[in-house]
Each structure stands twice: as C-alpha cells, then as structure tokens.
C-alpha cells in the first residue's frame, strides 16, 4: 500500500471515529500497537507498522461500511417531485 493510500485510510478512520461499527473497532483492537494497555475509549494504531495485508483488510472493512452507510442514506433522503 502506498504512503498516500495509508494517509487516506488514516484520515478516513479519524473522521469516522465516533461512528465506526463494532467489527471495525474489534479489528483495530486486534491490530493495536498498545494491546493490553489501552482503555476502552482509545485505540492507538500505527498505520506504518501494519502489514499491507492488514491494511487491505481494513480498507475492505471500511469500504463495506461506507457503502452500506451511503445506501442507507440514499433510502432515507426524500425525493422531490415537481
């Protein structure tokens, strides 16, 4: 994964911190650099320390979440009729 892709992934994670689903939070906890030392509220991830395979799994989870969120928002938005 390129440096730019890692930065994009990191930025997206930070912007979604308050709303990430449990499966992504669990994944992040499993790969956390502060395993066993963190509180329930905070997860510290060193993106550069993760393997490409792990990063691509995280990207796939995040993309799936964002796609589902986008679809649910599309259903909720009312359409205007002329």
C-alpha atoms as a PDB file:
ATOM      1  CA  UNK A   1       0.000   0.000   0.000  1.00  0.00           C
ATOM      2  CA  UNK A   2       1.382   3.398  -0.934  1.00  0.00           C
ATOM      3  CA  UNK A   3       2.082   6.193   1.539  1.00  0.00           C
ATOM      4  CA  UNK A   4      -0.766   8.202   0.013  1.00  0.00           C
ATOM      5  CA  UNK A   5      -3.206   5.286   0.430  1.00  0.00           C
ATOM      6  CA  UNK A   6      -2.132   4.888   4.063  1.00  0.00           C
ATOM      7  CA  UNK A   7      -2.690   8.592   4.698  1.00  0.00           C
ATOM      8  CA  UNK A   8      -6.137   8.426   3.080  1.00  0.00           C
ATOM      9  CA  UNK A   9      -7.071   5.400   5.186  1.00  0.00           C
ATOM     10  CA  UNK A  10      -5.857   7.112   8.353  1.00  0.00           C
ATOM     11  CA  UNK A  11      -7.792  10.292   7.546  1.00  0.00           C
ATOM     12  CA  UNK A  12     -10.997   8.365   6.893  1.00  0.00           C
ATOM     13  CA  UNK A  13     -10.664   6.415  10.128  1.00  0.00           C
ATOM     14  CA  UNK A  14     -10.143   9.606  12.115  1.00  0.00           C
ATOM     15  CA  UNK A  15     -13.178  11.266  10.520  1.00  0.00           C
ATOM     16  CA  UNK A  16     -15.390   8.269  11.372  1.00  0.00           C
ATOM     17  CA  UNK A  17     -14.158   7.652  14.929  1.00  0.00           C
ATOM     18  CA  UNK A  18     -17.484   8.221  16.647  1.00  0.00           C
ATOM     19  CA  UNK A  19     -19.499   6.027  14.313  1.00  0.00           C
ATOM     20  CA  UNK A  20     -17.364   3.010  13.406  1.00  0.00           C
ATOM     21  CA  UNK A  21     -19.218  -0.311  13.646  1.00  0.00           C
ATOM     22  CA  UNK A  22     -18.135  -2.923  16.190  1.00  0.00           C
ATOM     23  CA  UNK A  23     -16.477  -5.200  13.601  1.00  0.00           C
ATOM     24  CA  UNK A  24     -14.048  -2.449  12.548  1.00  0.00           C
ATOM     25  CA  UNK A  25     -13.373  -1.463  16.167  1.00  0.00           C
ATOM     26  CA  UNK A  26     -12.630  -5.101  17.018  1.00  0.00           C
ATOM     27  CA  UNK A  27     -10.314  -5.366  14.016  1.00  0.00           C
ATOM     28  CA  UNK A  28      -8.458  -2.229  15.124  1.00  0.00           C
ATOM     29  CA  UNK A  29      -8.165  -3.527  18.684  1.00  0.00           C
ATOM     30  CA  UNK A  30      -6.680  -6.787  17.406  1.00  0.00           C
ATOM     31  CA  UNK A  31      -4.001  -4.871  15.500  1.00  0.00           C
ATOM     32  CA  UNK A  32      -3.465  -2.102  18.033  1.00  0.00           C
ATOM     33  CA  UNK A  33       0.085  -1.112  18.961  1.00  0.00           C
ATOM     34  CA  UNK A  34      -0.964  -0.632  22.599  1.00  0.00           C
ATOM     35  CA  UNK A  35      -2.577  -4.017  23.048  1.00  0.00           C
ATOM     36  CA  UNK A  36      -3.489  -4.680  26.674  1.00  0.00           C
ATOM     37  CA  UNK A  37      -2.564  -1.155  27.792  1.00  0.00           C
ATOM     38  CA  UNK A  38      -5.428   0.856  26.391  1.00  0.00           C
ATOM     39  CA  UNK A  39      -8.693   1.967  27.897  1.00  0.00           C
ATOM     40  CA  UNK A  40     -11.995   1.108  26.363  1.00  0.00           C
ATOM     41  CA  UNK A  41     -12.251   4.585  24.825  1.00  0.00           C
ATOM     42  CA  UNK A  42      -8.945   4.797  22.976  1.00  0.00           C
ATOM     43  CA  UNK A  43      -7.268   2.721  20.297  1.00  0.00           C
ATOM     44  CA  UNK A  44      -3.824   3.641  19.055  1.00  0.00           C
ATOM     45  CA  UNK A  45      -2.864   2.356  15.618  1.00  0.00           C
ATOM     46  CA  UNK A  46       0.469   2.860  13.877  1.00  0.00           C
ATOM     47  CA  UNK A  47      -0.589   2.617  10.234  1.00  0.00           C
ATOM     48  CA  UNK A  48       3.031   2.332   9.098  1.00  0.00           C
ATOM     49  CA  UNK A  49       3.627  -0.666  11.371  1.00  0.00           C
ATOM     50  CA  UNK A  50       0.750  -2.686   9.894  1.00  0.00           C
ATOM     51  CA  UNK A  51       1.367  -5.144   7.080  1.00  0.00           C
ATOM     52  CA  UNK A  52      -0.069  -4.467   3.647  1.00  0.00           C
ATOM     53  CA  UNK A  53      -2.368  -7.466   4.088  1.00  0.00           C
ATOM     54  CA  UNK A  54      -3.780  -5.985   7.310  1.00  0.00           C
ATOM     55  CA  UNK A  55      -4.158  -2.558   5.713  1.00  0.00           C
ATOM     56  CA  UNK A  56      -6.029  -4.012   2.748  1.00  0.00           C
ATOM     57  CA  UNK A  57      -8.344  -5.928   5.125  1.00  0.00           C
ATOM     58  CA  UNK A  58      -9.015  -2.695   6.999  1.00  0.00           C
ATOM     59  CA  UNK A  59      -9.623  -0.851   3.705  1.00  0.00           C
ATOM     60  CA  UNK A  60     -12.123  -3.547   2.673  1.00  0.00           C
ATOM     61  CA  UNK A  61     -13.974  -3.324   6.011  1.00  0.00           C
ATOM     62  CA  UNK A  62     -14.086   0.457   5.831  1.00  0.00           C
ATOM     63  CA  UNK A  63     -15.253   0.462   2.197  1.00  0.00           C
ATOM     64  CA  UNK A  64     -18.021  -2.003   3.062  1.00  0.00           C
ATOM     65  CA  UNK A  65     -19.161   0.169   5.956  1.00  0.00           C
ATOM     66  CA  UNK A  66     -19.110   3.350   3.856  1.00  0.00           C
ATOM     67  CA  UNK A  67     -21.029   1.658   1.031  1.00  0.00           C
ATOM     68  CA  UNK A  68     -23.700   0.439   3.446  1.00  0.00           C
ATOM     69  CA  UNK A  69     -23.923   3.880   5.024  1.00  0.00           C
ATOM     70  CA  UNK A  70     -24.263   5.508   1.601  1.00  0.00           C
ATOM     71  CA  UNK A  71     -27.040   3.087   0.604  1.00  0.00           C
ATOM     72  CA  UNK A  72     -28.979   3.671   3.826  1.00  0.00           C
ATOM     73  CA  UNK A  73     -28.721   7.444   3.410  1.00  0.00           C
ATOM     74  CA  UNK A  74     -29.978   7.158  -0.172  1.00  0.00           C
ATOM     75  CA  UNK A  75     -33.074   5.310   1.075  1.00  0.00           C
ATOM     76  CA  UNK A  76     -33.781   7.877   3.788  1.00  0.00           C
ATOM     77  CA  UNK A  77     -33.417  11.015   1.680  1.00  0.00           C
ATOM     78  CA  UNK A  78     -36.790  12.177   0.394  1.00  0.00           C
ATOM     79  CA  UNK A  79     -37.106  12.802  -3.294  1.00  0.00           C
ATOM     80  CA  UNK A  80     -38.657  15.987  -4.553  1.00  0.00           C
ATOM     81  CA  UNK A  81     -41.493  15.796  -7.006  1.00  0.00           C
ATOM     82  CA  UNK A  82     -42.300  18.566  -9.424  1.00  0.00           C
END
